[in-house]
Each structure stands twice: as C-alpha cells, then as structure tokens.
Amino acid sequence: SLFMRKILYISYDGASEPIPQAQAMPYLRELQKKGLEIYWISFDKKNAFKSSSDKEDFKNNLLLKGINWHSLSYHKGSFLSAKIFDLIMGIIYAIYIAIKEKVDFVHGRAELASTIAYVLKKLLKKKFIYDRRGFMAEDYIEGGMWKSRNGLNYKALVSIDKLLLSEAEVVVVLTERIKNKLSNGSNLKDKIFVIPCCVDLNKFTLKKNRALLLDLSLDDKFIFLYSGSIGTWYMLEEMVDFFLLAKKRVPNAHFLILTLADIEVVKTRIKNKIDRLDDFTIKGVPPSVVQEYISLADVAIAFIKPVYSKLSSSPTKFGECLASGLPFVINSNIGDTDKLIRQHKVGAVVENFSEDGYKKAIDEIIALNKDKEALRYRCRDFTTTYMSLAGGVNKYWEVYKKMIPI
C-alpha cells in the first residue's frame, strides 16, 4: 500500500513565505496524516527568520506535523549564475536525502525544483511529479524582468519546461485552460492532472467579526476588497477606476485594500486618481489574520494583467474570498476564473478595462446582491465543491497513487 511511503518534496520558494504557507504546507500536512513520510527541501532567503532559534522553532513545529524540513540558502545575483549555483547545491543535497532516507519518489514544485527531481530520476531512478505552477519563462518576459524571447535565459527555461513535461511521470497544473493548451497535439493529456489553488475552509468562513468592523468604522459601508500584493501583475489604477464608478451607483461604497506592499506607495498611486482618501482603507495585514478582514467585505475585486502566462494562473485570493462569502469581480483570461464565475453565478467578469466594461460588471454585481444571503452561500458552496483543501488533498492522493502501483 501507499502507507508509510517516503516522499521528497522540493520547493524553490522559502518554506516560511506566504505561497508555500498557503499552498504547500496544508497539503503536506494532510498527506502526512494519510501515512506518508515527507521530506521537504526549500531554498530560504537570508532574512527569512529573525534568528537561528526562530528557524529551529519553525523546523521543530514542522516536525510535530510530521514534516522533515531541510533548508538550503537561496542566492541572489545574476539570474543564471545564482540559479545554477542553487541548482547544484539542491541536486547534491537531494541525492543525499534520497539515498539516506530511501525516498520512493520526488515531487518538484515549479521548474527549478522539478529540474532537481529530474536529475534524481536519471541518477537514482526515482519517479517524479512536475508540479507546474505557472510558466516561469513567460512570467519573466511579461513581467518585464527579461527583455527578449531570444535571450539565453528564456530559451533555456523553455527547453527545461519541455524536458520536464516529457520526462515527468505526472504533471500537475492549476487550470483546465493550460491543460488543453499543453495537451493540444501532444500525448501529454493522460498524465496531466488539474488541481487548482485550494482554500482551507476552516480558516476562511462566513463568520463576520463585528467588533473589527466597528473598530475600522466601516459598519455602515458597502465594502469592496482587494487583498494581496501590489506590483508586477496587479492593476491597482484600474481597480481604483472601477471602484470610483461603483461609488456613483453605491453611495456608501468603501475600498478596503489589504497588502504587505509599502502603504505610502499605494496611497501615492491612488492619489494620482483622486485627491482624498476618505473612501479608502489601506492596511498591512499578515496572512495569519487576513481571513478576519476578508470576511468584513461585500465584494472582492482583482484585476490582473491578462497576459499569456496568466492562462495557467489560479489566484489564491479567488478561493479565499469566495469561501468567505464574497462574490468576485475579475477581468477575463485569468486561468479558469471567468468561466467558473459565469457558470456558477459567483461574481462578474470585466471584459475590457473601459467605462463600459466596468459599468456592465457593476450592474451584474448589484443584481446578484439583491439576494445577498443566497449569493453568500452560493460562493461558499462553490469553494466547498471545487476548491476545498480536502478536495485538493484527495486529488494529490490520486496522483501519488499513480506514482506507486498498489
């Protein structure tokens, strides 16, 4: 049986960063409860922990949850040299763990970690899962970090992605849209599994913290919410335009922005659109309590650059907000979100970033909101069916069973 099998999980993100904390950690804990022994190698930035005793506490805390964590240093520097150095260190350490602990197979998260997994397949005959979170090469081009698709970095990453897709026993992607693109004209279809970003339904709930609402003086407001980073992909100015139009229809509208970005920078960008910030509350809220704030809102919005790489995107905030009973407003061509929103009537899709595009979505949200309770429960039910952590764990369990014939 699968019971007491040993898995080596590799992530290039640091273990304490928000994404692994929200997406990797909950899965690993639940899979461990099913009897798997988990070894996790992550690459952690220099300042990830305040002190070595902090890091030790983190390690022990993971151990209590049945996860054996090994931390390697993440190196900055020129993209290629830093990555190659990390890759070599990762390969050496992963070989050591794989042999010492006799791991059964390797699970790589994204390209770099999966490249290490691929080397273990070649050297130690270990099967591996390519957990393809997005498409790094396109991310770097479309985010403006790289200038040209003719560059060595871009070409190298595209080749690595092709190699991993063909060599992995199983490929996990986040959206049906990218599965269809990758399967088109290839024989990959049978080994690609779609597992969207899932949400912990015990953490994100319909419960509203009334005291917090009063504390923020928002108890008489209709709250639009944006939660997450503000930078490369997220279109703050367009979200502000949308909100200002909505305010004309909903006089008590208020925009709550939760972000760990520099709040002064955010304020400056909003002030380019409107002089006074009376209708805006901007707060830096850590992931551990973000659910308390999300549940205060009435509608969530996220406008994301609709570039090619976002076809494979499953925004974490999508599930978190819907699980908290918030309908979601998003632009089209972000993973499967537009299709799901329309199909299940859990929000509105902005077709284009124009006054007409915004007004149409605002009308839809106002119409949906006429039966607010039904809407809240519909949003919640949608996440329970499609994006629950338990459902995601079961899908990974199926993937793992494919790796080891029972």
Protein backbone atom coordinates (compact mmCIF):
# COMPACT_ATOMS: atom_id res chain seq x y z
CA SER A 1 0.00 0.00 0.00
CA LEU A 2 0.96 3.68 -0.07
CA PHE A 3 1.13 3.66 3.70
CA MET A 4 4.50 4.83 5.07
CA ARG A 5 5.88 5.69 1.67
CA LYS A 6 8.58 8.34 1.70
CA ILE A 7 8.20 11.43 -0.45
CA LEU A 8 10.82 14.08 -1.18
CA TYR A 9 9.10 17.43 -1.78
CA ILE A 10 11.23 20.23 -3.23
CA SER A 11 10.24 23.90 -3.50
CA TYR A 12 12.43 26.78 -4.65
CA ASP A 13 10.30 29.15 -2.55
CA GLY A 14 11.23 29.51 1.10
CA ALA A 15 9.14 27.40 3.48
CA SER A 16 8.02 30.42 5.53
CA GLU A 17 6.88 32.53 2.54
CA PRO A 18 3.14 33.21 2.04
CA ILE A 19 2.64 30.99 -1.04
CA PRO A 20 4.17 27.76 0.40
CA GLN A 21 2.44 28.53 3.71
CA ALA A 22 -0.94 28.84 1.94
CA GLN A 23 -0.45 26.21 -0.76
CA ALA A 24 2.24 23.64 0.08
CA MET A 25 2.05 23.37 3.86
CA PRO A 26 -1.66 22.48 4.20
CA TYR A 27 -1.36 19.76 1.52
CA LEU A 28 1.76 18.25 3.03
CA ARG A 29 0.20 18.13 6.50
CA GLU A 30 -2.93 16.41 5.24
CA LEU A 31 -0.98 13.94 3.07
CA GLN A 32 1.22 13.13 6.04
CA LYS A 33 -1.92 12.23 8.02
CA LYS A 34 -2.65 9.62 5.35
CA GLY A 35 0.56 7.86 6.37
CA LEU A 36 3.15 9.37 4.04
CA GLU A 37 6.57 10.30 5.39
CA ILE A 38 7.51 13.69 3.99
CA TYR A 39 10.93 15.27 3.48
CA TRP A 40 10.81 18.89 2.35
CA ILE A 41 13.76 20.79 0.86
CA SER A 42 13.23 24.53 0.43
CA PHE A 43 15.51 27.44 -0.51
CA ASP A 44 15.21 30.12 2.14
CA LYS A 45 16.25 33.74 1.86
CA LYS A 46 18.84 35.16 4.26
CA ASN A 47 16.35 37.22 6.27
CA ALA A 48 13.52 34.65 6.27
CA PHE A 49 13.96 34.06 10.00
CA LYS A 50 14.81 36.61 12.69
CA SER A 51 17.32 34.32 14.36
CA SER A 52 18.65 30.77 14.24
CA SER A 53 16.45 29.88 17.23
CA ASP A 54 13.42 31.12 15.26
CA LYS A 55 14.43 28.85 12.41
CA GLU A 56 14.89 25.95 14.82
CA ASP A 57 11.39 26.54 16.25
CA PHE A 58 9.98 26.55 12.71
CA LYS A 59 11.76 23.27 11.96
CA ASN A 60 10.50 21.64 15.17
CA ASN A 61 7.00 22.88 14.54
CA LEU A 62 7.05 21.19 11.11
CA LEU A 63 8.45 18.04 12.66
CA LEU A 64 5.49 17.92 15.06
CA LYS A 65 3.29 17.95 11.95
CA GLY A 66 5.26 15.04 10.56
CA ILE A 67 7.31 17.01 8.02
CA ASN A 68 11.10 16.66 7.98
CA TRP A 69 12.28 20.05 6.76
CA HIS A 70 15.71 20.79 5.25
CA SER A 71 16.61 24.38 4.46
CA LEU A 72 19.11 25.43 1.79
CA SER A 73 20.21 29.02 1.13
CA TYR A 74 18.60 30.97 -1.67
CA HIS A 75 21.15 33.02 -3.59
CA LYS A 76 20.57 36.33 -5.28
CA GLY A 77 22.80 37.61 -8.04
CA SER A 78 22.70 37.35 -11.81
CA PHE A 79 19.78 35.09 -12.74
CA LEU A 80 21.79 32.36 -14.41
CA SER A 81 24.77 32.08 -12.06
CA ALA A 82 22.68 32.25 -8.86
CA LYS A 83 20.17 29.71 -10.16
CA ILE A 84 22.88 27.33 -11.39
CA PHE A 85 24.62 27.50 -8.02
CA ASP A 86 21.34 26.81 -6.17
CA LEU A 87 20.57 24.00 -8.61
CA ILE A 88 23.90 22.27 -7.97
CA MET A 89 23.56 22.59 -4.19
CA GLY A 90 19.97 21.34 -4.43
CA ILE A 91 20.96 18.32 -6.51
CA ILE A 92 23.76 17.31 -4.12
CA TYR A 93 21.53 17.68 -1.06
CA ALA A 94 18.52 15.97 -2.68
CA ILE A 95 20.68 12.98 -3.69
CA TYR A 96 21.95 12.76 -0.11
CA ILE A 97 18.38 12.80 1.35
CA ALA A 98 17.00 10.44 -1.30
CA ILE A 99 19.68 7.83 -0.61
CA LYS A 100 19.83 8.27 3.17
CA GLU A 101 16.04 8.13 3.67
CA LYS A 102 15.32 5.75 0.75
CA VAL A 103 12.58 8.02 -0.65
CA ASP A 104 10.08 6.45 -3.02
CA PHE A 105 9.55 9.36 -5.39
CA VAL A 106 10.11 13.11 -5.77
CA HIS A 107 7.59 15.95 -6.03
CA GLY A 108 9.02 19.16 -7.54
CA ARG A 109 7.18 22.47 -7.24
CA ALA A 110 7.77 24.60 -10.39
CA GLU A 111 10.69 24.49 -12.82
CA LEU A 112 13.84 24.73 -10.74
CA ALA A 113 12.76 22.27 -8.05
CA SER A 114 11.50 19.88 -10.73
CA THR A 115 14.85 20.06 -12.54
CA ILE A 116 16.42 18.69 -9.35
CA ALA A 117 13.74 15.98 -9.32
CA TYR A 118 14.57 15.14 -12.96
CA VAL A 119 18.26 14.65 -12.09
CA LEU A 120 17.22 12.25 -9.32
CA LYS A 121 15.20 10.32 -11.87
CA LYS A 122 18.25 10.00 -14.14
CA LEU A 123 20.79 9.20 -11.41
CA LEU A 124 18.72 7.24 -8.87
CA LYS A 125 15.78 6.01 -11.00
CA LYS A 126 13.29 7.98 -8.86
CA LYS A 127 9.96 8.79 -10.50
CA PHE A 128 8.94 12.43 -10.23
CA ILE A 129 5.95 14.78 -10.32
CA TYR A 130 6.33 18.08 -12.19
CA ASP A 131 4.04 20.45 -10.29
CA ARG A 132 3.97 23.15 -12.96
CA ARG A 133 2.65 26.19 -11.10
CA GLY A 134 2.84 28.63 -14.00
CA PHE A 135 5.25 29.24 -16.83
CA MET A 136 8.31 30.99 -15.43
CA ALA A 137 9.84 31.96 -18.79
CA GLU A 138 6.69 33.83 -19.86
CA ASP A 139 6.28 35.30 -16.37
CA TYR A 140 9.72 36.90 -16.62
CA ILE A 141 9.06 38.29 -20.09
CA GLU A 142 5.55 39.56 -19.39
CA GLY A 143 6.53 40.94 -16.01
CA GLY A 144 9.25 42.97 -17.73
CA MET A 145 12.15 41.28 -15.89
CA TRP A 146 13.54 39.93 -19.18
CA LYS A 147 13.56 41.91 -22.38
CA SER A 148 13.56 39.35 -25.16
CA ARG A 149 12.39 35.87 -26.06
CA ASN A 150 15.69 35.50 -27.93
CA GLY A 151 17.71 35.68 -24.71
CA LEU A 152 19.64 32.71 -23.36
CA ASN A 153 17.69 32.66 -20.07
CA TYR A 154 14.33 32.48 -21.82
CA LYS A 155 15.41 29.79 -24.28
CA ALA A 156 17.00 27.71 -21.51
CA LEU A 157 13.83 27.82 -19.41
CA VAL A 158 11.57 26.90 -22.33
CA SER A 159 13.79 23.88 -23.07
CA ILE A 160 13.77 22.84 -19.42
CA ASP A 161 9.96 23.09 -19.30
CA LYS A 162 9.67 20.87 -22.41
CA LEU A 163 12.08 18.34 -20.94
CA LEU A 164 10.19 18.20 -17.62
CA LEU A 165 6.82 17.84 -19.35
CA SER A 166 8.06 14.87 -21.34
CA GLU A 167 10.07 13.17 -18.56
CA ALA A 168 7.78 13.54 -15.53
CA GLU A 169 5.52 10.60 -14.67
CA VAL A 170 2.78 13.06 -13.73
CA VAL A 171 2.30 16.78 -14.46
CA VAL A 172 0.08 18.86 -12.17
CA VAL A 173 -1.32 22.16 -13.50
CA LEU A 174 -3.67 24.74 -12.00
CA THR A 175 -6.19 25.23 -14.80
CA GLU A 176 -8.15 23.34 -17.46
CA ARG A 177 -7.18 26.08 -19.89
CA ILE A 178 -3.47 25.33 -19.65
CA LYS A 179 -4.08 21.57 -19.67
CA ASN A 180 -5.86 21.96 -23.02
CA LYS A 181 -3.04 24.11 -24.39
CA LEU A 182 -0.33 21.67 -23.30
CA SER A 183 -2.27 18.61 -24.47
CA ASN A 184 -3.00 20.08 -27.88
CA GLY A 185 -1.21 17.95 -30.47
CA SER A 186 0.84 16.13 -27.82
CA ASN A 187 0.50 12.85 -25.97
CA LEU A 188 0.61 14.52 -22.56
CA LYS A 189 -3.13 14.56 -21.90
CA ASP A 190 -3.28 11.36 -19.83
CA LYS A 191 -0.60 12.42 -17.40
CA ILE A 192 -1.79 15.98 -16.74
CA PHE A 193 -3.90 16.49 -13.62
CA VAL A 194 -5.66 19.78 -12.85
CA ILE A 195 -5.55 20.82 -9.18
CA PRO A 196 -6.47 24.50 -8.65
CA CYS A 197 -5.21 26.54 -5.70
CA CYS A 198 -7.36 25.34 -2.82
CA VAL A 199 -8.57 27.02 0.33
CA ASP A 200 -8.75 25.91 3.96
CA LEU A 201 -12.48 26.10 4.69
CA ASN A 202 -11.85 26.03 8.43
CA LYS A 203 -9.80 29.23 8.21
CA PHE A 204 -11.89 31.19 5.69
CA THR A 205 -15.51 31.20 6.77
CA LEU A 206 -18.74 33.22 6.53
CA LYS A 207 -18.28 34.48 10.08
CA LYS A 208 -18.01 38.29 10.29
CA ASN A 209 -16.06 39.94 13.09
CA ARG A 210 -18.50 42.72 14.01
CA ALA A 211 -16.13 44.27 16.57
CA LEU A 212 -13.41 44.65 13.91
CA LEU A 213 -15.94 46.26 11.56
CA LEU A 214 -16.77 48.86 14.23
CA ASP A 215 -13.12 49.28 15.08
CA LEU A 216 -12.37 50.23 11.45
CA SER A 217 -15.51 52.47 11.38
CA LEU A 218 -16.80 50.53 8.39
CA ASP A 219 -20.03 49.16 9.88
CA ASP A 220 -22.26 51.31 7.64
CA LYS A 221 -20.24 50.79 4.45
CA PHE A 222 -20.61 48.57 1.39
CA ILE A 223 -17.04 47.25 1.21
CA PHE A 224 -15.12 46.45 -1.95
CA LEU A 225 -11.97 44.47 -1.12
CA TYR A 226 -8.62 43.86 -2.75
CA SER A 227 -6.29 41.52 -0.88
CA GLY A 228 -2.74 40.68 -1.96
CA SER A 229 0.46 42.04 -3.43
CA ILE A 230 0.55 45.21 -5.48
CA GLY A 231 3.17 45.20 -8.17
CA THR A 232 4.03 43.49 -11.41
CA TRP A 233 0.72 41.79 -12.21
CA TYR A 234 -1.97 43.59 -10.25
CA MET A 235 -3.64 46.60 -11.82
CA LEU A 236 -4.25 49.00 -8.94
CA GLU A 237 -5.15 52.06 -11.03
CA GLU A 238 -7.79 50.11 -12.97
CA MET A 239 -9.25 48.72 -9.72
CA VAL A 240 -9.49 52.29 -8.37
CA ASP A 241 -11.25 53.42 -11.59
CA PHE A 242 -13.70 50.55 -11.20
CA PHE A 243 -14.34 51.43 -7.56
CA LEU A 244 -14.91 55.14 -8.30
CA LEU A 245 -17.53 54.20 -10.90
CA ALA A 246 -19.17 51.77 -8.47
CA LYS A 247 -19.26 54.54 -5.85
CA LYS A 248 -21.56 56.53 -8.14
CA ARG A 249 -24.04 53.63 -8.04
CA VAL A 250 -23.47 52.65 -4.40
CA PRO A 251 -23.03 55.87 -2.38
CA ASN A 252 -21.79 54.13 0.80
CA ALA A 253 -19.11 52.14 -1.09
CA HIS A 254 -15.69 51.91 0.54
CA PHE A 255 -12.47 50.31 -0.77
CA LEU A 256 -10.53 48.14 1.70
CA ILE A 257 -7.05 47.20 0.47
CA LEU A 258 -5.08 44.55 2.37
CA THR A 259 -1.47 44.34 1.29
CA LEU A 260 2.03 43.85 2.61
CA ALA A 261 3.33 46.31 -0.01
CA ASP A 262 4.59 49.77 1.04
CA ILE A 263 1.40 51.58 2.10
CA GLU A 264 2.75 55.05 1.26
CA VAL A 265 3.48 53.92 -2.30
CA VAL A 266 -0.07 52.55 -2.59
CA LYS A 267 -1.51 55.84 -1.28
CA THR A 268 0.53 57.85 -3.77
CA ARG A 269 -0.71 55.73 -6.67
CA ILE A 270 -4.33 56.17 -5.57
CA LYS A 271 -3.83 59.93 -5.15
CA ASN A 272 -2.93 60.12 -8.84
CA LYS A 273 -6.59 59.19 -9.42
CA ILE A 274 -8.37 61.04 -6.59
CA ASP A 275 -7.24 63.70 -4.11
CA ARG A 276 -8.85 62.49 -0.91
CA LEU A 277 -8.55 59.02 0.53
CA ASP A 278 -11.72 59.16 2.69
CA ASP A 279 -13.22 56.20 0.81
CA PHE A 280 -10.11 54.04 1.14
CA THR A 281 -8.71 51.98 4.00
CA ILE A 282 -5.27 50.50 3.33
CA LYS A 283 -3.87 48.03 5.84
CA GLY A 284 -0.85 45.76 6.10
CA VAL A 285 -2.32 42.52 7.37
CA PRO A 286 -0.24 39.33 7.88
CA PRO A 287 -1.51 36.07 6.31
CA SER A 288 -2.23 34.62 9.76
CA VAL A 289 -5.17 37.02 10.35
CA VAL A 290 -6.12 38.06 6.82
CA GLN A 291 -9.32 35.96 6.99
CA GLU A 292 -10.68 38.25 9.75
CA TYR A 293 -10.51 41.21 7.37
CA ILE A 294 -11.62 39.47 4.17
CA SER A 295 -14.92 38.40 5.73
CA LEU A 296 -15.82 42.04 6.51
CA ALA A 297 -16.21 42.90 2.83
CA ASP A 298 -19.16 42.63 0.46
CA VAL A 299 -17.41 42.18 -2.91
CA ALA A 300 -13.85 41.17 -3.82
CA ILE A 301 -12.04 42.53 -6.86
CA ALA A 302 -8.77 41.60 -8.57
CA PHE A 303 -7.62 42.97 -11.91
CA ILE A 304 -4.61 41.09 -13.21
CA LYS A 305 -2.60 41.72 -16.39
CA PRO A 306 -4.29 39.42 -18.92
CA VAL A 307 -1.07 38.04 -20.41
CA TYR A 308 -0.38 34.56 -21.79
CA SER A 309 1.27 33.24 -18.61
CA LYS A 310 -1.90 34.01 -16.63
CA LEU A 311 -3.82 31.31 -18.52
CA SER A 312 -2.18 28.91 -16.09
CA SER A 313 -2.98 31.02 -13.03
CA SER A 314 -5.29 30.08 -10.17
CA PRO A 315 -5.22 33.07 -7.77
CA THR A 316 -5.16 32.02 -4.10
CA LYS A 317 -7.33 35.04 -3.25
CA PHE A 318 -10.10 33.73 -5.54
CA GLY A 319 -10.84 30.76 -3.26
CA GLU A 320 -10.20 32.69 -0.04
CA CYS A 321 -12.71 35.42 -0.86
CA LEU A 322 -15.40 33.09 -2.23
CA ALA A 323 -15.07 30.85 0.84
CA SER A 324 -15.73 33.97 2.94
CA GLY A 325 -18.97 34.56 1.00
CA LEU A 326 -17.70 37.36 -1.26
CA PRO A 327 -18.67 37.45 -4.94
CA PHE A 328 -15.59 38.04 -7.10
CA VAL A 329 -15.02 40.60 -9.85
CA ILE A 330 -12.09 39.76 -12.13
CA ASN A 331 -11.04 40.51 -15.71
CA SER A 332 -11.24 37.80 -18.38
CA ASN A 333 -8.44 35.39 -19.35
CA ILE A 334 -7.09 34.70 -15.86
CA GLY A 335 -6.93 30.91 -15.68
CA ASP A 336 -10.39 29.32 -15.48
CA THR A 337 -11.84 32.07 -13.26
CA ASP A 338 -14.03 33.83 -15.86
CA LYS A 339 -15.64 30.57 -16.96
CA LEU A 340 -16.27 29.45 -13.36
CA ILE A 341 -17.73 32.80 -12.29
CA ARG A 342 -20.19 32.82 -15.17
CA GLN A 343 -21.12 29.17 -14.80
CA HIS A 344 -21.80 29.35 -11.05
CA LYS A 345 -23.01 32.98 -10.80
CA VAL A 346 -20.48 33.86 -8.11
CA GLY A 347 -19.40 37.28 -9.39
CA ALA A 348 -18.82 39.31 -12.53
CA VAL A 349 -16.24 39.34 -15.32
CA VAL A 350 -14.82 42.61 -16.66
CA GLU A 351 -14.49 42.12 -20.43
CA ASN A 352 -12.31 45.18 -21.01
CA PHE A 353 -10.77 47.96 -18.95
CA SER A 354 -13.15 50.69 -20.05
CA GLU A 355 -16.03 52.61 -18.51
CA ASP A 356 -18.48 50.37 -20.39
CA GLY A 357 -16.69 47.21 -19.27
CA TYR A 358 -16.75 48.38 -15.64
CA LYS A 359 -20.40 49.51 -15.72
CA LYS A 360 -21.56 46.16 -17.08
CA ALA A 361 -19.77 44.30 -14.25
CA ILE A 362 -21.08 46.77 -11.62
CA ASP A 363 -24.65 46.20 -12.88
CA GLU A 364 -24.14 42.43 -12.60
CA ILE A 365 -22.82 42.65 -9.04
CA ILE A 366 -25.68 44.93 -7.94
CA ALA A 367 -28.19 42.50 -9.49
CA LEU A 368 -26.57 39.47 -7.80
CA ASN A 369 -26.51 41.33 -4.50
CA LYS A 370 -30.30 41.71 -4.45
CA ASP A 371 -30.43 38.32 -2.77
CA LYS A 372 -27.36 38.70 -0.61
CA GLU A 373 -27.77 35.65 1.61
CA ALA A 374 -28.29 33.28 -1.31
CA LEU A 375 -25.22 34.81 -3.00
CA ARG A 376 -23.03 34.36 0.08
CA TYR A 377 -23.98 30.69 0.42
CA ARG A 378 -23.55 30.10 -3.31
CA CYS A 379 -19.99 31.47 -3.15
CA ARG A 380 -19.26 29.30 -0.13
CA ASP A 381 -20.78 26.18 -1.73
CA PHE A 382 -18.75 26.75 -4.89
CA THR A 383 -15.45 26.63 -2.95
CA THR A 384 -16.62 23.60 -0.98
CA THR A 385 -17.25 21.73 -4.24
CA TYR A 386 -14.35 22.94 -6.40
CA MET A 387 -11.60 24.47 -4.29
CA SER A 388 -11.60 22.91 -0.84
CA LEU A 389 -8.34 21.82 0.72
CA ALA A 390 -9.82 18.37 1.36
CA GLY A 391 -10.69 18.05 -2.33
CA GLY A 392 -7.19 19.17 -3.34
CA VAL A 393 -5.60 16.67 -0.96
CA ASN A 394 -7.71 13.86 -2.44
CA LYS A 395 -6.57 14.83 -5.94
CA TYR A 396 -2.92 14.79 -4.85
CA TRP A 397 -3.56 11.43 -3.19
CA GLU A 398 -4.77 10.10 -6.56
CA VAL A 399 -1.63 11.50 -8.20
CA TYR A 400 0.57 9.84 -5.58
CA LYS A 401 -1.19 6.52 -6.07
CA LYS A 402 -0.32 6.75 -9.77
CA MET A 403 3.35 7.05 -8.78
CA ILE A 404 3.37 3.82 -6.78
CA PRO A 405 1.39 0.88 -8.14
CA ILE A 406 -0.60 -0.62 -5.29
